[in-house]
Amino acid sequence: MDVNVYTLQELASHVLPILSDNTRVTPLSPLRLDSYLHNPRAAEADPVLFELHIDNQLVAYRTVLPDLFYDSEGRPQRFAWLSGNWVDPQYRRQGLSTRLLKQVVEHWEGRLIYTNYAPASRAVYDKSGQFRLLAGRTGYRFYLRSAAHELLKERSGDLALLKAGDGLINRFREGRLSRFQPVDDSQCRVEIYDALSGKEEGKGKEEVEAMVKRLQQGSLFGRDGTIFDWILQYPWITEQKGEPVNYHFSYSASRFKNIVLHFTLPVTGKQGLLWMTLHNNRLTVPYLFYEEISLLPLMARTVLHTMIRNNCTHTTVRDPGLQQQLKAYRKWFLLIRRMPQLIFAHNKLLDLIPAGRKIHDGDGDVVFTG
């Protein structure tokens, strides 16, 4: 049993030959590999891939995503997100995940954070006794359309009946939903904003990036225009069909689209930025920024209108302000359900992480998967 560790500098030379042979298990999809290689917060010497082999066969792997947070003095502190863990079903419950986690902890000296976990991964972290709760974020899932056949497919065998029921409910609701009106131009100018995706340059881009940077000063992870450029240019999910690879996490979707909107109030000129992601039939809001609180209800209205126009079934929101504004549209939703998020940090980091800092819905690897 051998554990191999690969740094960012070694990643491409190791993974690319595997991607050309779809009979071999690959620890990274082509998109995720490209994203890792262009991460502005990663260093070439960062260990990012941990593999476990038995008789020269890959039976388990773990990947991490380098990032940084800002301590109470405003100093950047490097760490990595635990982001991807797989064990061959034939070798599960043999302690392989625990062994890989031990290697990650040693190489990163405990500078690790995780969220968005699978139950099996959470059990490994809990068993280690090395992680403590960093933040518990109250979240709500807003169901706009019925999607029982998707939500209950693991529990029910009669998917055809559930799908037919969804269709009846949604057809009944569509007439009403179609009458929902978007934000009026007299209230606010709302424009598609391409600057963060690298398609615009100049004064407009500089102004908005300066606004985002200023409004991120109270943020724990402080992602800025450079990071947002990277996220948008190197996504982990694609709509394009390509050669299949033997990868155990999702990397393709029938629909995946980032929508970044720029808001400007006509009288005061105050600005805001709303980032939405469409992933199949769900919508998420990884980031939103506003110079004036009156922009928030306009953003909530835009979120709901975007869901209606794009035939979305639900959205999950953990930003407190946006939650409150969406609840004002309660009558438009079928159901609103609590959906909290827990974020854990290694014991060695807890004294460095300041309390009460802003955490965005897209922080971590969440923004890459929608």
Protein backbone atom coordinates (compact mmCIF):
# COMPACT_ATOMS: atom_id res chain seq x y z
CA MET A 1 0.00 0.00 0.00
CA ASP A 2 1.62 3.23 -1.20
CA VAL A 3 0.60 6.90 -0.84
CA ASN A 4 1.79 9.27 -3.55
CA VAL A 5 1.63 13.04 -3.13
CA TYR A 6 1.66 15.43 -6.09
CA THR A 7 2.35 19.14 -5.98
CA LEU A 8 0.75 21.66 -8.30
CA GLN A 9 3.96 21.70 -10.35
CA GLU A 10 3.77 17.92 -10.83
CA LEU A 11 0.03 17.76 -11.44
CA ALA A 12 -0.20 18.11 -15.22
CA SER A 13 2.56 15.61 -16.02
CA HIS A 14 0.86 13.06 -13.76
CA VAL A 15 -2.81 13.56 -14.72
CA LEU A 16 -2.65 14.24 -18.48
CA PRO A 17 -1.50 10.69 -19.41
CA ILE A 18 -4.36 9.29 -17.29
CA LEU A 19 -6.92 11.47 -19.07
CA SER A 20 -5.83 10.02 -22.42
CA ASP A 21 -6.69 6.50 -21.19
CA ASN A 22 -10.35 6.21 -20.13
CA THR A 23 -9.77 2.74 -18.67
CA ARG A 24 -7.86 4.33 -15.78
CA VAL A 25 -9.47 6.17 -12.88
CA THR A 26 -8.60 9.87 -13.01
CA PRO A 27 -8.49 11.96 -9.83
CA LEU A 28 -9.24 15.19 -11.74
CA SER A 29 -11.46 16.02 -14.68
CA PRO A 30 -9.85 18.02 -17.52
CA LEU A 31 -11.72 21.15 -16.40
CA ARG A 32 -10.76 20.80 -12.78
CA LEU A 33 -7.13 20.17 -13.71
CA ASP A 34 -7.11 23.37 -15.78
CA SER A 35 -8.65 25.29 -12.89
CA TYR A 36 -6.10 23.98 -10.39
CA LEU A 37 -3.21 24.92 -12.66
CA HIS A 38 -4.43 28.53 -12.92
CA ASN A 39 -5.38 29.10 -9.27
CA PRO A 40 -3.95 32.56 -8.37
CA ARG A 41 -3.75 31.59 -4.70
CA ALA A 42 -1.82 28.37 -5.23
CA ALA A 43 1.95 27.89 -5.23
CA GLU A 44 3.82 25.38 -7.37
CA ALA A 45 5.05 23.55 -4.27
CA ASP A 46 1.54 23.12 -2.82
CA PRO A 47 0.57 19.44 -2.41
CA VAL A 48 -2.86 19.19 -4.05
CA LEU A 49 -3.36 15.52 -4.91
CA PHE A 50 -2.99 12.51 -2.62
CA GLU A 51 -3.32 9.01 -4.10
CA LEU A 52 -3.33 5.59 -2.47
CA HIS A 53 -2.31 2.55 -4.53
CA ILE A 54 -2.55 -1.15 -3.80
CA ASP A 55 -0.61 -3.44 -6.16
CA ASN A 56 -0.11 -0.46 -8.50
CA GLN A 57 -3.87 0.12 -8.69
CA LEU A 58 -5.38 3.47 -7.69
CA VAL A 59 -7.95 2.67 -4.99
CA ALA A 60 -8.38 6.04 -3.25
CA TYR A 61 -7.56 9.69 -3.74
CA ARG A 62 -8.11 13.08 -2.15
CA THR A 63 -7.74 16.56 -3.65
CA VAL A 64 -7.40 19.93 -1.93
CA LEU A 65 -7.94 23.49 -3.17
CA PRO A 66 -5.41 26.10 -1.97
CA ASP A 67 -6.88 29.40 -0.78
CA LEU A 68 -6.33 32.05 1.88
CA PHE A 69 -8.23 33.87 4.62
CA TYR A 70 -7.48 37.14 6.39
CA ASP A 71 -6.71 37.08 10.12
CA SER A 72 -7.71 39.72 12.67
CA GLU A 73 -4.71 41.85 11.65
CA GLY A 74 -5.68 41.69 7.98
CA ARG A 75 -2.78 39.40 7.13
CA PRO A 76 -3.36 36.67 4.52
CA GLN A 77 -3.12 33.15 5.91
CA ARG A 78 -2.74 30.30 3.46
CA PHE A 79 -4.74 27.08 3.83
CA ALA A 80 -6.53 24.49 1.67
CA TRP A 81 -10.14 23.35 1.30
CA LEU A 82 -10.72 19.60 1.55
CA SER A 83 -12.36 19.21 -1.86
CA GLY A 84 -12.85 15.75 -3.28
CA ASN A 85 -12.47 12.30 -1.71
CA TRP A 86 -12.99 8.91 -3.42
CA VAL A 87 -12.42 5.30 -2.40
CA ASP A 88 -12.97 2.29 -4.64
CA PRO A 89 -16.15 0.52 -3.36
CA GLN A 90 -14.19 -2.74 -3.00
CA TYR A 91 -11.85 -1.08 -0.49
CA ARG A 92 -14.24 0.99 1.60
CA ARG A 93 -14.45 0.72 5.39
CA GLN A 94 -10.77 -0.21 5.55
CA GLY A 95 -9.45 3.13 6.82
CA LEU A 96 -8.10 4.37 3.49
CA SER A 97 -9.81 7.77 3.73
CA THR A 98 -8.41 8.17 7.23
CA ARG A 99 -4.91 7.36 6.02
CA LEU A 100 -5.15 9.90 3.19
CA LEU A 101 -6.53 12.55 5.55
CA LYS A 102 -3.56 12.01 7.86
CA GLN A 103 -1.21 12.65 4.95
CA VAL A 104 -3.07 15.85 4.00
CA VAL A 105 -2.96 17.14 7.58
CA GLU A 106 0.79 16.48 7.78
CA HIS A 107 1.63 18.13 4.47
CA TRP A 108 -0.57 21.18 5.14
CA GLU A 109 0.38 21.32 8.84
CA GLY A 110 -3.28 21.36 9.79
CA ARG A 111 -4.15 24.42 7.68
CA LEU A 112 -7.41 22.90 6.39
CA ILE A 113 -11.09 23.87 6.16
CA TYR A 114 -14.05 21.95 4.77
CA THR A 115 -17.73 22.36 3.96
CA ASN A 116 -20.27 20.96 1.49
CA TYR A 117 -19.34 17.49 2.73
CA ALA A 118 -20.76 14.05 1.98
CA PRO A 119 -21.89 12.15 5.09
CA ALA A 120 -19.15 9.54 4.68
CA SER A 121 -16.47 12.25 4.52
CA ARG A 122 -17.91 13.99 7.57
CA ALA A 123 -17.63 10.72 9.50
CA VAL A 124 -13.91 10.54 8.67
CA TYR A 125 -13.34 14.12 9.82
CA ASP A 126 -15.30 13.60 13.04
CA LYS A 127 -13.41 10.41 13.79
CA SER A 128 -10.09 12.25 13.50
CA GLY A 129 -11.08 14.62 16.33
CA GLN A 130 -9.05 17.38 14.67
CA PHE A 131 -11.80 19.66 13.34
CA ARG A 132 -14.15 22.09 15.08
CA LEU A 133 -17.12 24.09 13.90
CA LEU A 134 -16.04 27.40 12.38
CA ALA A 135 -19.43 28.70 11.25
CA GLY A 136 -23.02 27.54 11.17
CA ARG A 137 -24.91 29.42 8.46
CA THR A 138 -28.69 29.45 8.36
CA GLY A 139 -29.90 28.69 4.87
CA TYR A 140 -33.22 28.30 3.10
CA ARG A 141 -34.18 26.45 -0.04
CA PHE A 142 -36.88 28.19 -2.03
CA TYR A 143 -38.89 25.81 -4.24
CA LEU A 144 -40.46 27.60 -7.20
CA ARG A 145 -41.61 24.56 -9.18
CA SER A 146 -42.42 20.98 -8.26
CA ALA A 147 -39.52 18.55 -8.76
CA ALA A 148 -40.59 15.55 -6.68
CA HIS A 149 -39.25 13.06 -9.24
CA GLU A 150 -35.75 14.51 -8.76
CA LEU A 151 -35.91 15.04 -5.01
CA LEU A 152 -37.39 11.61 -4.22
CA LYS A 153 -35.82 9.43 -6.91
CA GLU A 154 -33.65 7.63 -4.36
CA ARG A 155 -36.68 6.76 -2.21
CA SER A 156 -39.41 5.94 -4.70
CA GLY A 157 -39.59 3.46 -7.54
CA ASP A 158 -42.50 5.10 -9.38
CA LEU A 159 -40.66 8.01 -10.96
CA ALA A 160 -43.08 8.19 -13.90
CA LEU A 161 -45.98 8.96 -11.56
CA LEU A 162 -43.95 11.58 -9.68
CA LYS A 163 -42.88 13.19 -12.94
CA ALA A 164 -46.47 13.31 -14.16
CA GLY A 165 -47.51 14.95 -10.89
CA ASP A 166 -44.74 17.54 -11.26
CA GLY A 167 -45.96 18.32 -14.76
CA LEU A 168 -49.54 18.89 -13.64
CA ILE A 169 -48.53 21.17 -10.75
CA ASN A 170 -46.10 23.17 -12.85
CA ARG A 171 -48.50 23.64 -15.77
CA PHE A 172 -51.08 24.96 -13.34
CA ARG A 173 -48.57 27.48 -11.96
CA GLU A 174 -46.95 28.68 -15.17
CA GLY A 175 -49.67 31.18 -16.06
CA ARG A 176 -49.25 32.99 -12.78
CA LEU A 177 -45.45 32.85 -12.84
CA SER A 178 -45.38 34.32 -16.34
CA ARG A 179 -47.00 37.48 -15.01
CA PHE A 180 -44.13 38.25 -12.61
CA GLN A 181 -42.46 41.47 -13.70
CA PRO A 182 -38.69 42.18 -13.68
CA VAL A 183 -37.08 45.26 -12.16
CA ASP A 184 -38.21 48.36 -14.03
CA ASP A 185 -35.60 50.60 -15.69
CA SER A 186 -36.98 53.57 -13.77
CA GLN A 187 -36.10 51.78 -10.51
CA CYS A 188 -32.64 50.62 -11.48
CA ARG A 189 -30.47 50.01 -14.52
CA VAL A 190 -29.61 46.29 -14.69
CA GLU A 191 -27.03 45.20 -17.25
CA ILE A 192 -25.14 42.02 -18.01
CA TYR A 193 -21.62 42.57 -16.74
CA ASP A 194 -18.81 40.84 -18.64
CA ALA A 195 -15.86 42.63 -17.06
CA LEU A 196 -15.20 39.98 -14.43
CA SER A 197 -15.03 37.32 -17.12
CA GLY A 198 -12.24 39.24 -18.85
CA LYS A 199 -14.36 40.49 -21.76
CA GLU A 200 -14.31 44.14 -20.73
CA GLU A 201 -11.50 46.43 -19.75
CA GLY A 202 -11.11 50.07 -18.80
CA LYS A 203 -12.64 52.45 -16.32
CA GLY A 204 -15.90 50.52 -15.80
CA LYS A 205 -14.06 47.36 -14.85
CA GLU A 206 -11.73 49.25 -12.53
CA GLU A 207 -14.62 51.00 -10.76
CA VAL A 208 -16.58 47.82 -10.15
CA GLU A 209 -13.52 45.88 -9.03
CA ALA A 210 -12.69 48.70 -6.61
CA MET A 211 -16.24 48.53 -5.24
CA VAL A 212 -16.04 44.76 -4.78
CA LYS A 213 -12.64 45.03 -3.09
CA ARG A 214 -13.95 47.72 -0.72
CA LEU A 215 -17.06 45.71 0.17
CA GLN A 216 -14.95 42.58 0.72
CA GLN A 217 -12.96 44.17 3.54
CA GLY A 218 -15.19 42.47 6.12
CA SER A 219 -15.02 39.14 4.33
CA LEU A 220 -13.12 36.17 5.76
CA PHE A 221 -11.78 34.93 2.42
CA GLY A 222 -11.66 38.29 0.60
CA ARG A 223 -12.00 37.05 -2.95
CA ASP A 224 -11.43 39.86 -5.46
CA GLY A 225 -11.54 40.55 -9.19
CA THR A 226 -8.51 38.38 -9.89
CA ILE A 227 -10.09 35.39 -8.15
CA PHE A 228 -13.45 35.99 -9.82
CA ASP A 229 -11.75 36.14 -13.24
CA TRP A 230 -10.15 32.76 -12.53
CA ILE A 231 -13.43 31.18 -11.35
CA LEU A 232 -15.35 32.37 -14.41
CA GLN A 233 -12.65 31.49 -16.93
CA TYR A 234 -11.88 28.03 -15.51
CA PRO A 235 -15.17 26.41 -14.42
CA TRP A 236 -15.46 22.83 -13.21
CA ILE A 237 -18.74 22.13 -15.03
CA THR A 238 -19.42 22.31 -18.76
CA GLU A 239 -22.39 21.99 -21.11
CA GLN A 240 -20.15 20.71 -23.89
CA LYS A 241 -20.07 17.03 -24.73
CA GLY A 242 -16.59 15.56 -24.97
CA GLU A 243 -14.73 12.30 -24.66
CA PRO A 244 -15.80 10.60 -21.41
CA VAL A 245 -13.21 10.19 -18.68
CA ASN A 246 -13.26 7.77 -15.75
CA TYR A 247 -13.95 10.42 -13.12
CA HIS A 248 -16.24 9.98 -10.11
CA PHE A 249 -17.58 13.51 -9.68
CA SER A 250 -19.88 15.49 -11.94
CA TYR A 251 -18.21 17.61 -14.60
CA SER A 252 -20.95 18.00 -17.24
CA ALA A 253 -24.49 19.31 -17.14
CA SER A 254 -27.36 19.95 -19.51
CA ARG A 255 -27.04 23.59 -18.47
CA PHE A 256 -24.34 25.51 -16.64
CA LYS A 257 -24.14 29.28 -16.91
CA ASN A 258 -22.80 32.14 -14.80
CA ILE A 259 -24.82 35.35 -14.99
CA VAL A 260 -23.21 38.49 -13.55
CA LEU A 261 -25.42 41.58 -13.43
CA HIS A 262 -24.41 45.18 -12.75
CA PHE A 263 -26.99 47.35 -10.91
CA THR A 264 -26.95 51.16 -10.94
CA LEU A 265 -29.49 53.34 -9.11
CA PRO A 266 -30.63 56.23 -11.36
CA VAL A 267 -30.63 59.00 -8.74
CA THR A 268 -27.71 58.25 -6.45
CA GLY A 269 -25.55 56.31 -8.92
CA LYS A 270 -24.90 53.67 -6.24
CA GLN A 271 -23.88 50.33 -7.69
CA GLY A 272 -24.22 46.65 -6.97
CA LEU A 273 -23.18 43.33 -8.46
CA LEU A 274 -25.27 40.15 -8.47
CA TRP A 275 -23.68 36.85 -9.49
CA MET A 276 -26.05 33.97 -10.26
CA THR A 277 -25.26 30.46 -11.48
CA LEU A 278 -27.64 28.18 -13.37
CA HIS A 279 -26.85 24.48 -12.96
CA ASN A 280 -29.42 22.28 -14.68
CA ASN A 281 -32.71 23.31 -13.05
CA ARG A 282 -31.37 25.06 -9.96
CA LEU A 283 -30.06 28.57 -9.39
CA THR A 284 -27.50 29.72 -6.83
CA VAL A 285 -26.22 33.15 -5.81
CA PRO A 286 -22.53 32.71 -4.95
CA TYR A 287 -21.81 36.44 -4.55
CA LEU A 288 -23.66 39.74 -4.26
CA PHE A 289 -22.39 43.22 -3.42
CA TYR A 290 -24.25 46.51 -2.99
CA GLU A 291 -23.28 50.04 -2.02
CA GLU A 292 -26.81 50.87 -0.85
CA ILE A 293 -29.28 48.63 0.99
CA SER A 294 -32.12 49.69 -1.33
CA LEU A 295 -30.46 47.57 -4.05
CA LEU A 296 -31.10 44.36 -2.12
CA PRO A 297 -34.88 44.03 -2.80
CA LEU A 298 -34.18 44.76 -6.47
CA MET A 299 -31.65 41.93 -6.51
CA ALA A 300 -34.13 39.57 -4.85
CA ARG A 301 -36.72 40.42 -7.50
CA THR A 302 -34.11 39.75 -10.19
CA VAL A 303 -33.27 36.37 -8.67
CA LEU A 304 -36.93 35.33 -8.73
CA HIS A 305 -37.47 36.62 -12.27
CA THR A 306 -34.34 34.76 -13.45
CA MET A 307 -35.65 31.55 -11.89
CA ILE A 308 -39.01 31.96 -13.64
CA ARG A 309 -37.52 32.82 -17.02
CA ASN A 310 -35.05 29.90 -16.91
CA ASN A 311 -37.51 27.28 -15.67
CA CYS A 312 -35.62 26.70 -12.39
CA THR A 313 -37.10 24.47 -9.72
CA HIS A 314 -35.32 25.90 -6.67
CA THR A 315 -32.58 28.04 -5.20
CA THR A 316 -30.68 27.75 -1.92
CA VAL A 317 -29.67 31.01 -0.24
CA ARG A 318 -27.61 31.57 2.91
CA ASP A 319 -27.00 35.31 2.64
CA PRO A 320 -29.22 36.74 5.44
CA GLY A 321 -30.24 39.88 3.56
CA LEU A 322 -31.20 38.06 0.38
CA GLN A 323 -33.08 35.43 2.38
CA GLN A 324 -35.21 38.11 4.02
CA GLN A 325 -36.02 39.77 0.71
CA LEU A 326 -36.94 36.49 -0.99
CA LYS A 327 -39.26 35.62 1.88
CA ALA A 328 -41.23 38.74 0.98
CA TYR A 329 -42.19 36.80 -2.18
CA ARG A 330 -43.34 33.78 -0.16
CA LYS A 331 -46.64 33.49 -2.05
CA TRP A 332 -44.74 32.85 -5.30
CA PHE A 333 -42.94 29.79 -3.92
CA LEU A 334 -44.36 26.31 -3.43
CA LEU A 335 -42.25 25.66 -0.34
CA ILE A 336 -39.50 27.25 1.73
CA ARG A 337 -37.33 24.84 3.70
CA ARG A 338 -34.39 25.28 6.05
CA MET A 339 -31.06 24.23 4.55
CA PRO A 340 -28.18 25.15 6.90
CA GLN A 341 -24.48 25.00 6.08
CA LEU A 342 -21.72 24.02 8.50
CA ILE A 343 -18.08 24.99 7.96
CA PHE A 344 -15.30 23.27 9.92
CA ALA A 345 -11.66 24.22 10.43
CA HIS A 346 -8.71 22.25 11.76
CA ASN A 347 -7.88 22.90 15.41
CA LYS A 348 -4.58 24.55 14.46
CA LEU A 349 -6.41 27.26 12.51
CA LEU A 350 -9.12 28.23 14.97
CA ASP A 351 -7.06 30.77 16.91
CA LEU A 352 -6.09 32.52 13.67
CA ILE A 353 -9.60 32.87 12.24
CA PRO A 354 -11.41 36.03 13.41
CA ALA A 355 -15.03 35.68 14.46
CA GLY A 356 -17.92 37.43 12.75
CA ARG A 357 -16.36 37.83 9.32
CA LYS A 358 -18.57 37.71 6.23
CA ILE A 359 -18.78 34.34 4.46
CA HIS A 360 -20.33 34.25 0.99
CA ASP A 361 -22.45 31.43 -0.40
CA GLY A 362 -19.82 30.77 -3.10
CA ASP A 363 -16.75 30.61 -0.85
CA GLY A 364 -14.79 27.38 -0.90
CA ASP A 365 -15.35 25.18 -3.94
CA VAL A 366 -19.11 25.83 -3.90
CA VAL A 367 -18.91 28.53 -6.57
CA PHE A 368 -17.45 26.02 -9.05
CA THR A 369 -20.34 23.57 -8.86
CA GLY A 370 -23.35 25.85 -8.49
